[in-house]
Amino acid sequence: MNRAFNRKKDKSWMHTPEALAKHYIPYNAKFLGNTEVEAPKGTEVVKDAVRKLKFQRHIKKSEGQKIPKVELQISIYGVKILDPKTKDVEHNCQLHRISFCADDKTDKRIFTFICKDSESNKHLCYVFDSEKCAEEITLTIGQAFDLAYKKFLESGGKDVETRKQIGGLQKRIQELETENAELKKQLQDLEEQLMIAHVPPVGSISTKPQSTDIFDMVPFSPVTPLVPVPASNGCPPPPPTTLPPDISKDLFGAEPFDPFTCGAADFPPDIQSKLDEMQEGFKMGLTLEGTVFSLDPLDGRC
């Protein structure tokens, strides 16, 4: 995983894995809002976003509006932003979509993270004002990301690339089966044309009985189509030796391989697409950083 826990590398995680895996860590904060940014990472990217949202909040404050309070619930399943009274979920940011998280080194209250929106796929920067625990919240998000990535690998995420290759092979087999069916049809058409070409005209059929050999058998003719003849003892002829192709078999006579049903650890296509998305997010990694967002702290502390 391409993580950049540079400033925090000498710090140990603050919570037990069980607390983040089976429960969640709650924090109270004020939500300055979110705004679209052009890149998934970068100190300057979040600096611009913080300045923009601070300015908007100053305007709203002058109009008598207060910064809304929210509750953050951090776990391996993501960062939930809830209304502290009703517990309604306002935003649910999955960890594999969070690519950058930072807190202000000078103002211990401000922290932010960039998350890729699940519907628009735009990168949104979320900005919060906490009670001097910005660094702790940043570290908690980093720990949750680390645990979520490990859990992803344990649950089969490491096999995503292999599954992609198997899916490609399955597609190729289906293409070969289609091509094989088309070739069989062309061959059948050619055989029918040859049989029609060797049938004599209607008026040229001779009524002369066919000659027989010394064993009283009709001589074999290579141009005479082979058709089943009832046996002399009255038994029906044996079934044709060429059976119709079994559509459940591939061109090698084997059952077509389905990578989505070949084992308990495999997933249907809709889950597979989510796994691919998670793998891409975790590969990008989460960068934790301490920076100075602006020289002026949030005025008035709202």
C-alpha atoms as a PDB file:
ATOM      1  CA  MET A   1       0.000   0.000   0.000  1.00  0.00           C
ATOM      2  CA  ASN A   2       1.332   3.384  -0.973  1.00  0.00           C
ATOM      3  CA  ARG A   3       0.871   5.088   2.362  1.00  0.00           C
ATOM      4  CA  ALA A   4       2.623   8.240   3.486  1.00  0.00           C
ATOM      5  CA  PHE A   5       2.422   8.365   7.254  1.00  0.00           C
ATOM      6  CA  ASN A   6       5.572  10.504   7.287  1.00  0.00           C
ATOM      7  CA  ARG A   7       4.976  12.754  10.230  1.00  0.00           C
ATOM      8  CA  LYS A   8       3.197  10.062  12.214  1.00  0.00           C
ATOM      9  CA  LYS A   9       5.575   7.164  11.699  1.00  0.00           C
ATOM     10  CA  ASP A  10       7.064   7.500  15.162  1.00  0.00           C
ATOM     11  CA  LYS A  11       3.610   7.397  16.725  1.00  0.00           C
ATOM     12  CA  SER A  12       1.759   4.213  17.583  1.00  0.00           C
ATOM     13  CA  TRP A  13      -1.907   3.747  16.800  1.00  0.00           C
ATOM     14  CA  MET A  14      -4.275   5.103  19.441  1.00  0.00           C
ATOM     15  CA  HIS A  15      -7.036   2.482  19.424  1.00  0.00           C
ATOM     16  CA  THR A  16      -7.312  -1.294  19.595  1.00  0.00           C
ATOM     17  CA  PRO A  17      -8.135  -3.040  16.311  1.00  0.00           C
ATOM     18  CA  GLU A  18     -11.309  -4.436  17.888  1.00  0.00           C
ATOM     19  CA  ALA A  19     -12.591  -0.940  18.671  1.00  0.00           C
ATOM     20  CA  LEU A  20     -12.452   0.023  14.976  1.00  0.00           C
ATOM     21  CA  ALA A  21     -13.423  -3.371  13.547  1.00  0.00           C
ATOM     22  CA  LYS A  22     -16.385  -4.265  15.777  1.00  0.00           C
ATOM     23  CA  HIS A  23     -17.432  -0.804  16.911  1.00  0.00           C
ATOM     24  CA  TYR A  24     -16.527   2.786  16.023  1.00  0.00           C
ATOM     25  CA  ILE A  25     -14.736   5.765  17.537  1.00  0.00           C
ATOM     26  CA  PRO A  26     -17.004   8.816  17.944  1.00  0.00           C
ATOM     27  CA  TYR A  27     -15.896  12.445  17.756  1.00  0.00           C
ATOM     28  CA  ASN A  28     -17.813  15.701  17.941  1.00  0.00           C
ATOM     29  CA  ALA A  29     -16.913  18.490  15.535  1.00  0.00           C
ATOM     30  CA  LYS A  30     -18.273  21.444  13.626  1.00  0.00           C
ATOM     31  CA  PHE A  31     -18.712  20.864   9.910  1.00  0.00           C
ATOM     32  CA  LEU A  32     -17.529  23.753   7.739  1.00  0.00           C
ATOM     33  CA  GLY A  33     -18.738  21.879   4.660  1.00  0.00           C
ATOM     34  CA  ASN A  34     -17.254  20.237   1.593  1.00  0.00           C
ATOM     35  CA  THR A  35     -16.136  21.522  -1.777  1.00  0.00           C
ATOM     36  CA  GLU A  36     -14.961  19.949  -5.022  1.00  0.00           C
ATOM     37  CA  VAL A  37     -11.203  19.835  -5.615  1.00  0.00           C
ATOM     38  CA  GLU A  38      -9.207  18.993  -8.730  1.00  0.00           C
ATOM     39  CA  ALA A  39      -6.822  16.379  -7.276  1.00  0.00           C
ATOM     40  CA  PRO A  40      -7.094  13.457  -4.821  1.00  0.00           C
ATOM     41  CA  LYS A  41      -4.005  14.546  -2.857  1.00  0.00           C
ATOM     42  CA  GLY A  42      -1.944  17.610  -2.068  1.00  0.00           C
ATOM     43  CA  THR A  43      -1.324  20.148   0.669  1.00  0.00           C
ATOM     44  CA  GLU A  44      -2.052  23.115  -1.584  1.00  0.00           C
ATOM     45  CA  VAL A  45      -5.276  21.426  -2.695  1.00  0.00           C
ATOM     46  CA  VAL A  46      -6.651  21.265   0.854  1.00  0.00           C
ATOM     47  CA  LYS A  47      -5.294  24.706   1.739  1.00  0.00           C
ATOM     48  CA  ASP A  48      -7.362  26.265  -1.030  1.00  0.00           C
ATOM     49  CA  ALA A  49     -10.418  24.280   0.047  1.00  0.00           C
ATOM     50  CA  VAL A  50     -10.053  25.346   3.696  1.00  0.00           C
ATOM     51  CA  ARG A  51      -9.700  29.012   2.737  1.00  0.00           C
ATOM     52  CA  LYS A  52     -12.757  28.781   0.493  1.00  0.00           C
ATOM     53  CA  LEU A  53     -14.956  27.124   3.126  1.00  0.00           C
ATOM     54  CA  LYS A  54     -13.737  29.425   5.913  1.00  0.00           C
ATOM     55  CA  PHE A  55     -14.674  32.429   3.790  1.00  0.00           C
ATOM     56  CA  GLN A  56     -18.121  30.992   3.107  1.00  0.00           C
ATOM     57  CA  ARG A  57     -18.639  30.334   6.817  1.00  0.00           C
ATOM     58  CA  HIS A  58     -17.626  33.883   7.740  1.00  0.00           C
ATOM     59  CA  ILE A  59     -20.286  35.186   5.376  1.00  0.00           C
ATOM     60  CA  LYS A  60     -22.930  32.867   6.824  1.00  0.00           C
ATOM     61  CA  LYS A  61     -21.879  33.817  10.362  1.00  0.00           C
ATOM     62  CA  SER A  62     -22.380  37.498   9.507  1.00  0.00           C
ATOM     63  CA  GLU A  63     -25.877  36.538   8.398  1.00  0.00           C
ATOM     64  CA  GLY A  64     -26.553  34.939  11.769  1.00  0.00           C
ATOM     65  CA  GLN A  65     -25.985  31.299  10.770  1.00  0.00           C
ATOM     66  CA  LYS A  66     -24.006  28.998  13.060  1.00  0.00           C
ATOM     67  CA  ILE A  67     -21.629  26.256  11.984  1.00  0.00           C
ATOM     68  CA  PRO A  68     -23.578  22.990  12.231  1.00  0.00           C
ATOM     69  CA  LYS A  69     -22.388  20.433  14.754  1.00  0.00           C
ATOM     70  CA  VAL A  70     -21.890  16.858  13.628  1.00  0.00           C
ATOM     71  CA  GLU A  71     -20.848  13.524  15.075  1.00  0.00           C
ATOM     72  CA  LEU A  72     -18.091  11.573  13.339  1.00  0.00           C
ATOM     73  CA  GLN A  73     -18.139   7.780  13.621  1.00  0.00           C
ATOM     74  CA  ILE A  74     -14.853   6.265  12.445  1.00  0.00           C
ATOM     75  CA  SER A  75     -14.493   2.522  11.838  1.00  0.00           C
ATOM     76  CA  ILE A  76     -13.014   0.141   9.270  1.00  0.00           C
ATOM     77  CA  TYR A  77     -16.239   0.645   7.279  1.00  0.00           C
ATOM     78  CA  GLY A  78     -15.679   4.354   6.781  1.00  0.00           C
ATOM     79  CA  VAL A  79     -16.214   7.799   8.230  1.00  0.00           C
ATOM     80  CA  LYS A  80     -19.850   8.581   8.904  1.00  0.00           C
ATOM     81  CA  ILE A  81     -20.997  12.166   9.415  1.00  0.00           C
ATOM     82  CA  LEU A  82     -24.217  12.255  11.416  1.00  0.00           C
ATOM     83  CA  ASP A  83     -26.602  14.735  12.933  1.00  0.00           C
ATOM     84  CA  PRO A  84     -25.737  14.489  16.664  1.00  0.00           C
ATOM     85  CA  LYS A  85     -29.393  14.685  17.744  1.00  0.00           C
ATOM     86  CA  THR A  86     -31.321  12.634  15.191  1.00  0.00           C
ATOM     87  CA  LYS A  87     -28.368  10.334  14.284  1.00  0.00           C
ATOM     88  CA  ASP A  88     -29.310  10.708  10.623  1.00  0.00           C
ATOM     89  CA  VAL A  89     -26.339   9.961   8.343  1.00  0.00           C
ATOM     90  CA  GLU A  90     -25.515  13.060   6.306  1.00  0.00           C
ATOM     91  CA  HIS A  91     -22.429  11.635   4.571  1.00  0.00           C
ATOM     92  CA  ASN A  92     -20.866   8.177   4.487  1.00  0.00           C
ATOM     93  CA  CYS A  93     -17.260   8.235   3.278  1.00  0.00           C
ATOM     94  CA  GLN A  94     -15.819   4.773   2.599  1.00  0.00           C
ATOM     95  CA  LEU A  95     -12.155   4.454   3.513  1.00  0.00           C
ATOM     96  CA  HIS A  96     -10.939   3.207   0.134  1.00  0.00           C
ATOM     97  CA  ARG A  97     -12.315   6.449  -1.334  1.00  0.00           C
ATOM     98  CA  ILE A  98     -10.394   8.660   1.126  1.00  0.00           C
ATOM     99  CA  SER A  99      -7.006   9.542  -0.356  1.00  0.00           C
ATOM    100  CA  PHE A 100      -5.700  12.457   1.732  1.00  0.00           C
ATOM    101  CA  CYS A 101      -6.136  13.467   5.350  1.00  0.00           C
ATOM    102  CA  ALA A 102      -4.488  16.429   7.088  1.00  0.00           C
ATOM    103  CA  ASP A 103      -4.639  18.507  10.247  1.00  0.00           C
ATOM    104  CA  ASP A 104      -3.377  21.994  10.915  1.00  0.00           C
ATOM    105  CA  LYS A 105      -0.080  22.109  12.827  1.00  0.00           C
ATOM    106  CA  THR A 106      -0.748  25.613  14.146  1.00  0.00           C
ATOM    107  CA  ASP A 107      -4.492  25.451  14.677  1.00  0.00           C
ATOM    108  CA  LYS A 108      -5.109  22.177  16.528  1.00  0.00           C
ATOM    109  CA  ARG A 109      -8.801  22.352  15.752  1.00  0.00           C
ATOM    110  CA  ILE A 110      -8.903  22.192  11.959  1.00  0.00           C
ATOM    111  CA  PHE A 111      -8.646  18.937  10.008  1.00  0.00           C
ATOM    112  CA  THR A 112      -9.716  17.867   6.530  1.00  0.00           C
ATOM    113  CA  PHE A 113      -9.832  14.887   4.206  1.00  0.00           C
ATOM    114  CA  ILE A 114     -10.404  14.326   0.481  1.00  0.00           C
ATOM    115  CA  CYS A 115     -12.914  11.671  -0.524  1.00  0.00           C
ATOM    116  CA  LYS A 116     -14.067  10.535  -3.965  1.00  0.00           C
ATOM    117  CA  ASP A 117     -17.846  10.807  -4.174  1.00  0.00           C
ATOM    118  CA  SER A 118     -19.540   7.456  -4.845  1.00  0.00           C
ATOM    119  CA  GLU A 119     -22.131   8.906  -7.240  1.00  0.00           C
ATOM    120  CA  SER A 120     -20.408  11.708  -9.137  1.00  0.00           C
ATOM    121  CA  ASN A 121     -16.841  10.326  -8.788  1.00  0.00           C
ATOM    122  CA  LYS A 122     -15.713  13.878  -8.034  1.00  0.00           C
ATOM    123  CA  HIS A 123     -13.081  14.542  -5.376  1.00  0.00           C
ATOM    124  CA  LEU A 124     -14.609  16.399  -2.437  1.00  0.00           C
ATOM    125  CA  CYS A 125     -12.667  18.035   0.384  1.00  0.00           C
ATOM    126  CA  TYR A 126     -14.395  17.890   3.799  1.00  0.00           C
ATOM    127  CA  VAL A 127     -13.338  20.443   6.437  1.00  0.00           C
ATOM    128  CA  PHE A 128     -14.027  20.284  10.183  1.00  0.00           C
ATOM    129  CA  ASP A 129     -13.378  22.331  13.306  1.00  0.00           C
ATOM    130  CA  SER A 130     -12.805  20.072  16.320  1.00  0.00           C
ATOM    131  CA  GLU A 131     -12.014  20.713  19.988  1.00  0.00           C
ATOM    132  CA  LYS A 132      -8.226  20.594  19.688  1.00  0.00           C
ATOM    133  CA  CYS A 133      -8.202  16.934  18.658  1.00  0.00           C
ATOM    134  CA  ALA A 134      -7.625  17.353  14.921  1.00  0.00           C
ATOM    135  CA  GLU A 135      -4.426  15.266  14.989  1.00  0.00           C
ATOM    136  CA  GLU A 136      -6.101  12.477  16.951  1.00  0.00           C
ATOM    137  CA  ILE A 137      -8.957  12.278  14.440  1.00  0.00           C
ATOM    138  CA  THR A 138      -6.487  12.230  11.546  1.00  0.00           C
ATOM    139  CA  LEU A 139      -4.557   9.371  13.183  1.00  0.00           C
ATOM    140  CA  THR A 140      -7.778   7.462  13.849  1.00  0.00           C
ATOM    141  CA  ILE A 141      -8.767   7.696  10.173  1.00  0.00           C
ATOM    142  CA  GLY A 142      -5.263   6.492   9.247  1.00  0.00           C
ATOM    143  CA  GLN A 143      -5.505   3.512  11.602  1.00  0.00           C
ATOM    144  CA  ALA A 144      -8.969   2.608  10.296  1.00  0.00           C
ATOM    145  CA  PHE A 145      -7.658   2.762   6.720  1.00  0.00           C
ATOM    146  CA  ASP A 146      -4.735   0.480   7.629  1.00  0.00           C
ATOM    147  CA  LEU A 147      -7.025  -2.094   9.264  1.00  0.00           C
ATOM    148  CA  ALA A 148      -9.563  -1.923   6.434  1.00  0.00           C
ATOM    149  CA  TYR A 149      -6.853  -2.622   3.868  1.00  0.00           C
ATOM    150  CA  LYS A 150      -5.622  -5.661   5.815  1.00  0.00           C
ATOM    151  CA  LYS A 151      -9.163  -6.952   6.135  1.00  0.00           C
ATOM    152  CA  PHE A 152      -9.680  -6.424   2.407  1.00  0.00           C
ATOM    153  CA  LEU A 153      -6.632  -8.586   1.648  1.00  0.00           C
ATOM    154  CA  GLU A 154      -7.713 -11.298   4.080  1.00  0.00           C
ATOM    155  CA  SER A 155     -11.203 -11.466   2.545  1.00  0.00           C
ATOM    156  CA  GLY A 156      -9.940 -12.145  -0.970  1.00  0.00           C
ATOM    157  CA  GLY A 157      -8.891  -8.770  -2.301  1.00  0.00           C
ATOM    158  CA  LYS A 158      -5.430 -10.090  -3.115  1.00  0.00           C
ATOM    159  CA  ASP A 159      -7.000 -12.379  -5.737  1.00  0.00           C
ATOM    160  CA  VAL A 160      -8.693  -9.582  -7.674  1.00  0.00           C
ATOM    161  CA  GLU A 161      -5.959  -9.463 -10.340  1.00  0.00           C
ATOM    162  CA  THR A 162      -6.051 -13.243 -10.729  1.00  0.00           C
ATOM    163  CA  ARG A 163      -9.822 -13.111 -11.029  1.00  0.00           C
ATOM    164  CA  LYS A 164      -9.508 -10.478 -13.750  1.00  0.00           C
ATOM    165  CA  GLN A 165      -7.164 -12.745 -15.721  1.00  0.00           C
ATOM    166  CA  ILE A 166      -9.573 -15.671 -15.329  1.00  0.00           C
ATOM    167  CA  GLY A 167     -12.411 -13.471 -16.562  1.00  0.00           C
ATOM    168  CA  GLY A 168     -10.348 -12.573 -19.643  1.00  0.00           C
ATOM    169  CA  LEU A 169      -9.667 -16.237 -20.345  1.00  0.00           C
ATOM    170  CA  GLN A 170     -13.349 -17.058 -19.951  1.00  0.00           C
ATOM    171  CA  LYS A 171     -14.246 -14.374 -22.468  1.00  0.00           C
ATOM    172  CA  ARG A 172     -11.697 -15.793 -24.920  1.00  0.00           C
ATOM    173  CA  ILE A 173     -13.156 -19.287 -24.507  1.00  0.00           C
ATOM    174  CA  GLN A 174     -16.627 -17.930 -25.272  1.00  0.00           C
ATOM    175  CA  GLU A 175     -15.282 -16.252 -28.410  1.00  0.00           C
ATOM    176  CA  LEU A 176     -13.673 -19.531 -29.514  1.00  0.00           C
ATOM    177  CA  GLU A 177     -16.921 -21.406 -28.884  1.00  0.00           C
ATOM    178  CA  THR A 178     -18.824 -18.918 -31.038  1.00  0.00           C
ATOM    179  CA  GLU A 179     -16.210 -19.198 -33.784  1.00  0.00           C
ATOM    180  CA  ASN A 180     -16.332 -22.996 -33.576  1.00  0.00           C
ATOM    181  CA  ALA A 181     -20.137 -22.995 -33.914  1.00  0.00           C
ATOM    182  CA  GLU A 182     -19.916 -20.776 -36.994  1.00  0.00           C
ATOM    183  CA  LEU A 183     -17.317 -23.081 -38.595  1.00  0.00           C
ATOM    184  CA  LYS A 184     -19.532 -26.115 -37.908  1.00  0.00           C
ATOM    185  CA  LYS A 185     -22.462 -24.388 -39.598  1.00  0.00           C
ATOM    186  CA  GLN A 186     -20.336 -23.525 -42.641  1.00  0.00           C
ATOM    187  CA  LEU A 187     -19.163 -27.146 -42.859  1.00  0.00           C
ATOM    188  CA  GLN A 188     -22.742 -28.398 -42.632  1.00  0.00           C
ATOM    189  CA  ASP A 189     -23.809 -26.032 -45.427  1.00  0.00           C
ATOM    190  CA  LEU A 190     -20.970 -27.275 -47.644  1.00  0.00           C
ATOM    191  CA  GLU A 191     -21.929 -30.914 -47.030  1.00  0.00           C
ATOM    192  CA  GLU A 192     -25.537 -30.164 -47.981  1.00  0.00           C
ATOM    193  CA  GLN A 193     -24.395 -28.439 -51.185  1.00  0.00           C
ATOM    194  CA  LEU A 194     -22.252 -31.473 -52.118  1.00  0.00           C
ATOM    195  CA  MET A 195     -25.157 -33.844 -51.537  1.00  0.00           C
ATOM    196  CA  ILE A 196     -27.452 -31.718 -53.744  1.00  0.00           C
ATOM    197  CA  ALA A 197     -24.779 -31.575 -56.464  1.00  0.00           C
ATOM    198  CA  HIS A 198     -24.621 -35.411 -56.685  1.00  0.00           C
ATOM    199  CA  VAL A 199     -28.387 -36.037 -56.890  1.00  0.00           C
ATOM    200  CA  PRO A 200     -29.290 -36.942 -60.571  1.00  0.00           C
ATOM    201  CA  PRO A 201     -31.954 -34.930 -62.433  1.00  0.00           C
ATOM    202  CA  VAL A 202     -35.580 -36.039 -62.002  1.00  0.00           C
ATOM    203  CA  GLY A 203     -36.029 -37.384 -65.558  1.00  0.00           C
ATOM    204  CA  SER A 204     -32.748 -39.300 -65.644  1.00  0.00           C
ATOM    205  CA  ILE A 205     -33.497 -41.811 -62.902  1.00  0.00           C
ATOM    206  CA  SER A 206     -33.299 -45.317 -64.392  1.00  0.00           C
ATOM    207  CA  THR A 207     -35.926 -47.928 -63.545  1.00  0.00           C
ATOM    208  CA  LYS A 208     -33.359 -50.665 -64.118  1.00  0.00           C
ATOM    209  CA  PRO A 209     -32.881 -52.664 -60.951  1.00  0.00           C
ATOM    210  CA  GLN A 210     -29.585 -52.113 -59.220  1.00  0.00           C
ATOM    211  CA  SER A 211     -26.939 -54.729 -59.952  1.00  0.00           C
ATOM    212  CA  THR A 212     -25.613 -56.826 -57.112  1.00  0.00           C
ATOM    213  CA  ASP A 213     -22.279 -58.424 -56.426  1.00  0.00           C
ATOM    214  CA  ILE A 214     -21.612 -62.105 -55.865  1.00  0.00           C
ATOM    215  CA  PHE A 215     -22.863 -61.804 -52.284  1.00  0.00           C
ATOM    216  CA  ASP A 216     -26.163 -60.332 -53.511  1.00  0.00           C
ATOM    217  CA  MET A 217     -25.141 -56.918 -52.086  1.00  0.00           C
ATOM    218  CA  VAL A 218     -25.518 -53.519 -53.702  1.00  0.00           C
ATOM    219  CA  PRO A 219     -22.022 -52.344 -54.680  1.00  0.00           C
ATOM    220  CA  PHE A 220     -20.730 -49.421 -52.598  1.00  0.00           C
ATOM    221  CA  SER A 221     -20.639 -46.087 -54.411  1.00  0.00           C
ATOM    222  CA  PRO A 222     -18.682 -43.151 -52.983  1.00  0.00           C
ATOM    223  CA  VAL A 223     -21.261 -40.719 -54.368  1.00  0.00           C
ATOM    224  CA  THR A 224     -24.195 -42.530 -52.765  1.00  0.00           C
ATOM    225  CA  PRO A 225     -25.156 -40.812 -49.505  1.00  0.00           C
ATOM    226  CA  LEU A 226     -25.030 -43.128 -46.538  1.00  0.00           C
ATOM    227  CA  VAL A 227     -28.462 -43.444 -44.975  1.00  0.00           C
ATOM    228  CA  PRO A 228     -29.625 -45.866 -42.290  1.00  0.00           C
ATOM    229  CA  VAL A 229     -31.305 -48.965 -43.778  1.00  0.00           C
ATOM    230  CA  PRO A 230     -33.747 -51.083 -41.736  1.00  0.00           C
ATOM    231  CA  ALA A 231     -32.138 -54.353 -40.701  1.00  0.00           C
ATOM    232  CA  SER A 232     -33.457 -57.578 -42.260  1.00  0.00           C
ATOM    233  CA  ASN A 233     -34.627 -58.867 -38.868  1.00  0.00           C
ATOM    234  CA  GLY A 234     -36.978 -55.889 -38.457  1.00  0.00           C
ATOM    235  CA  CYS A 235     -34.995 -54.143 -35.702  1.00  0.00           C
ATOM    236  CA  PRO A 236     -34.729 -50.353 -36.015  1.00  0.00           C
ATOM    237  CA  PRO A 237     -31.380 -48.962 -37.144  1.00  0.00           C
ATOM    238  CA  PRO A 238     -28.906 -47.840 -34.471  1.00  0.00           C
ATOM    239  CA  PRO A 239     -28.960 -44.142 -33.621  1.00  0.00           C
ATOM    240  CA  PRO A 240     -26.601 -41.881 -35.578  1.00  0.00           C
ATOM    241  CA  THR A 241     -23.094 -41.838 -34.211  1.00  0.00           C
ATOM    242  CA  THR A 242     -22.754 -38.069 -34.569  1.00  0.00           C
ATOM    243  CA  LEU A 243     -24.586 -36.429 -31.666  1.00  0.00           C
ATOM    244  CA  PRO A 244     -25.708 -32.807 -31.750  1.00  0.00           C
ATOM    245  CA  PRO A 245     -23.233 -30.486 -30.088  1.00  0.00           C
ATOM    246  CA  ASP A 246     -23.843 -29.947 -26.388  1.00  0.00           C
ATOM    247  CA  ILE A 247     -24.157 -26.204 -25.803  1.00  0.00           C
ATOM    248  CA  SER A 248     -23.124 -26.722 -22.191  1.00  0.00           C
ATOM    249  CA  LYS A 249     -19.682 -27.867 -23.335  1.00  0.00           C
ATOM    250  CA  ASP A 250     -16.868 -25.784 -24.743  1.00  0.00           C
ATOM    251  CA  LEU A 251     -14.943 -26.609 -27.902  1.00  0.00           C
ATOM    252  CA  PHE A 252     -12.641 -28.856 -25.882  1.00  0.00           C
ATOM    253  CA  GLY A 253     -15.559 -30.921 -24.557  1.00  0.00           C
ATOM    254  CA  ALA A 254     -15.277 -29.459 -21.070  1.00  0.00           C
ATOM    255  CA  GLU A 255     -17.777 -27.533 -19.009  1.00  0.00           C
ATOM    256  CA  PRO A 256     -17.340 -23.761 -19.645  1.00  0.00           C
ATOM    257  CA  PHE A 257     -15.397 -22.266 -16.755  1.00  0.00           C
ATOM    258  CA  ASP A 258     -17.194 -19.589 -14.727  1.00  0.00           C
ATOM    259  CA  PRO A 259     -14.830 -17.722 -12.404  1.00  0.00           C
ATOM    260  CA  PHE A 260     -17.770 -16.309 -10.466  1.00  0.00           C
ATOM    261  CA  THR A 261     -19.104 -19.705  -9.394  1.00  0.00           C
ATOM    262  CA  CYS A 262     -15.931 -21.731  -9.106  1.00  0.00           C
ATOM    263  CA  GLY A 263     -15.480 -21.493  -5.356  1.00  0.00           C
ATOM    264  CA  ALA A 264     -16.665 -20.103  -2.072  1.00  0.00           C
ATOM    265  CA  ALA A 265     -14.112 -17.290  -2.182  1.00  0.00           C
ATOM    266  CA  ASP A 266     -15.309 -15.937  -5.515  1.00  0.00           C
ATOM    267  CA  PHE A 267     -17.849 -13.192  -6.055  1.00  0.00           C
ATOM    268  CA  PRO A 268     -20.668 -12.354  -8.512  1.00  0.00           C
ATOM    269  CA  PRO A 269     -20.053  -9.594 -11.073  1.00  0.00           C
ATOM    270  CA  ASP A 270     -21.697  -6.796  -9.067  1.00  0.00           C
ATOM    271  CA  ILE A 271     -19.545  -7.583  -6.036  1.00  0.00           C
ATOM    272  CA  GLN A 272     -16.525  -8.025  -8.302  1.00  0.00           C
ATOM    273  CA  SER A 273     -16.849  -4.472  -9.630  1.00  0.00           C
ATOM    274  CA  LYS A 274     -16.919  -3.180  -6.069  1.00  0.00           C
ATOM    275  CA  LEU A 275     -13.823  -5.226  -5.244  1.00  0.00           C
ATOM    276  CA  ASP A 276     -12.036  -3.733  -8.252  1.00  0.00           C
ATOM    277  CA  GLU A 277     -12.980  -0.240  -7.095  1.00  0.00           C
ATOM    278  CA  MET A 278     -11.773  -0.965  -3.554  1.00  0.00           C
ATOM    279  CA  GLN A 279      -8.489  -2.345  -4.830  1.00  0.00           C
ATOM    280  CA  GLU A 280      -7.864   0.802  -6.878  1.00  0.00           C
ATOM    281  CA  GLY A 281      -8.636   2.990  -3.871  1.00  0.00           C
ATOM    282  CA  PHE A 282      -6.396   1.077  -1.505  1.00  0.00           C
ATOM    283  CA  LYS A 283      -3.608   1.032  -4.098  1.00  0.00           C
ATOM    284  CA  MET A 284      -3.695   4.828  -4.216  1.00  0.00           C
ATOM    285  CA  GLY A 285      -3.170   4.820  -0.474  1.00  0.00           C
ATOM    286  CA  LEU A 286      -3.980   7.352   2.221  1.00  0.00           C
ATOM    287  CA  THR A 287      -1.591  10.221   2.861  1.00  0.00           C
ATOM    288  CA  LEU A 288      -1.608  11.644   6.383  1.00  0.00           C
ATOM    289  CA  GLU A 289      -0.042  15.043   6.691  1.00  0.00           C
ATOM    290  CA  GLY A 290       0.366  17.895   9.124  1.00  0.00           C
ATOM    291  CA  THR A 291       0.432  21.308   7.548  1.00  0.00           C
ATOM    292  CA  VAL A 292      -0.396  24.963   8.029  1.00  0.00           C
ATOM    293  CA  PHE A 293      -3.656  25.704   6.252  1.00  0.00           C
ATOM    294  CA  SER A 294      -3.493  29.455   6.771  1.00  0.00           C
ATOM    295  CA  LEU A 295      -1.674  31.933   8.950  1.00  0.00           C
ATOM    296  CA  ASP A 296      -4.909  33.157  10.466  1.00  0.00           C
ATOM    297  CA  PRO A 297      -6.858  30.711  12.660  1.00  0.00           C
ATOM    298  CA  LEU A 298     -10.619  30.500  12.404  1.00  0.00           C
ATOM    299  CA  ASP A 299     -11.822  33.839  13.722  1.00  0.00           C
ATOM    300  CA  GLY A 300     -14.162  33.910  16.659  1.00  0.00           C
ATOM    301  CA  ARG A 301     -14.041  30.113  17.016  1.00  0.00           C
ATOM    302  CA  CYS A 302     -17.712  30.230  16.022  1.00  0.00           C
END
